[in-house]
Amino acid sequence: MLYLVIGFSKPISDSDKELDYLPYQYFAEYCKQKGLEGIAFPSSVMINTDEKHLCYTMFSDTKFKYIDSGLVLTTSIKYGYEETK
């Protein structure tokens, strides 16, 4: 399951091949066919923070209600790493 979470959270880059995302697209379609309403997964830029930031992929908008939206400007993104032994 961790493999799927990492795959869904992986940032998209120009060098990625289209087929790299095929397993995740297949899994999402499988979930949709099984009646799930959506998938939640960790944000690729907020994984190592104390706050929980999730991204959502919803399969239908019939069970959700628009509440509000806003515009934000991302001024910086900081990535860090830690070597494991």
Protein backbone atom coordinates (compact mmCIF):
# COMPACT_ATOMS: atom_id res chain seq x y z
CA MET A 1 0.00 0.00 0.00
CA LEU A 2 2.89 2.36 0.76
CA TYR A 3 4.00 2.02 -2.88
CA LEU A 4 0.66 3.42 -4.02
CA VAL A 5 0.77 6.32 -1.55
CA ILE A 6 4.26 7.28 -2.69
CA GLY A 7 3.22 7.00 -6.34
CA PHE A 8 0.16 9.19 -5.91
CA SER A 9 2.22 11.76 -4.01
CA LYS A 10 5.07 11.83 -6.54
CA PRO A 11 5.50 15.25 -8.16
CA ILE A 12 5.11 15.40 -11.93
CA SER A 13 8.16 16.41 -13.94
CA ASP A 14 8.77 16.88 -17.64
CA SER A 15 11.13 13.90 -17.69
CA ASP A 16 8.52 11.44 -16.37
CA LYS A 17 7.14 9.01 -18.88
CA GLU A 18 3.41 8.73 -19.37
CA LEU A 19 3.43 5.01 -18.59
CA ASP A 20 4.93 5.67 -15.13
CA TYR A 21 1.48 6.76 -13.96
CA LEU A 22 -0.45 3.85 -15.45
CA PRO A 23 -0.56 1.74 -12.24
CA TYR A 24 -1.98 4.69 -10.28
CA GLN A 25 -4.55 5.49 -12.94
CA TYR A 26 -5.57 1.83 -12.98
CA PHE A 27 -5.88 1.75 -9.18
CA ALA A 28 -7.98 4.93 -9.16
CA GLU A 29 -10.29 3.50 -11.82
CA TYR A 30 -10.58 0.25 -9.84
CA CYS A 31 -11.57 2.22 -6.72
CA LYS A 32 -14.14 4.16 -8.72
CA GLN A 33 -15.65 0.96 -10.13
CA LYS A 34 -15.87 -0.47 -6.59
CA GLY A 35 -18.02 2.49 -5.53
CA LEU A 36 -15.48 4.60 -3.66
CA GLU A 37 -16.10 8.34 -3.82
CA GLY A 38 -12.44 9.34 -4.02
CA ILE A 39 -8.87 8.88 -2.89
CA ALA A 40 -6.87 10.94 -0.37
CA PHE A 41 -3.09 10.94 -0.33
CA PRO A 42 -0.31 13.05 1.23
CA SER A 43 0.89 16.18 -0.51
CA SER A 44 4.29 15.74 -2.15
CA VAL A 45 5.53 19.03 -0.66
CA MET A 46 4.09 18.67 2.83
CA ILE A 47 4.93 15.04 3.69
CA ASN A 48 7.57 15.79 6.35
CA THR A 49 5.69 18.47 8.28
CA ASP A 50 3.74 18.29 11.51
CA GLU A 51 0.58 19.35 9.71
CA LYS A 52 -1.39 16.86 7.69
CA HIS A 53 -1.89 18.10 4.15
CA LEU A 54 -3.84 15.79 1.93
CA CYS A 55 -4.67 15.92 -1.75
CA TYR A 56 -8.00 14.55 -2.90
CA THR A 57 -9.07 12.94 -6.14
CA MET A 58 -12.86 12.80 -6.28
CA PHE A 59 -14.62 10.54 -8.76
CA SER A 60 -17.93 12.42 -8.80
CA ASP A 61 -19.11 15.85 -7.74
CA THR A 62 -22.66 14.78 -6.88
CA LYS A 63 -21.90 14.16 -3.18
CA PHE A 64 -19.87 17.30 -2.64
CA LYS A 65 -20.89 20.90 -2.23
CA TYR A 66 -18.83 23.92 -3.26
CA ILE A 67 -18.15 26.08 -0.23
CA ASP A 68 -15.47 28.60 -1.12
CA SER A 69 -12.28 29.10 -3.06
CA GLY A 70 -9.37 31.43 -2.99
CA LEU A 71 -6.17 32.27 -4.76
CA VAL A 72 -2.80 31.75 -3.10
CA LEU A 73 0.65 32.63 -4.34
CA THR A 74 3.40 30.12 -3.59
CA THR A 75 6.48 32.19 -2.85
CA SER A 76 8.88 29.36 -2.05
CA ILE A 77 9.17 25.61 -1.70
CA LYS A 78 11.83 24.01 0.45
CA TYR A 79 12.75 20.35 0.12
CA GLY A 80 14.82 18.56 2.68
CA TYR A 81 16.18 15.08 3.06
CA GLU A 82 17.65 12.82 5.63
CA GLU A 83 20.09 10.03 4.90
CA THR A 84 19.12 6.63 6.28
CA LYS A 85 21.48 3.86 7.20
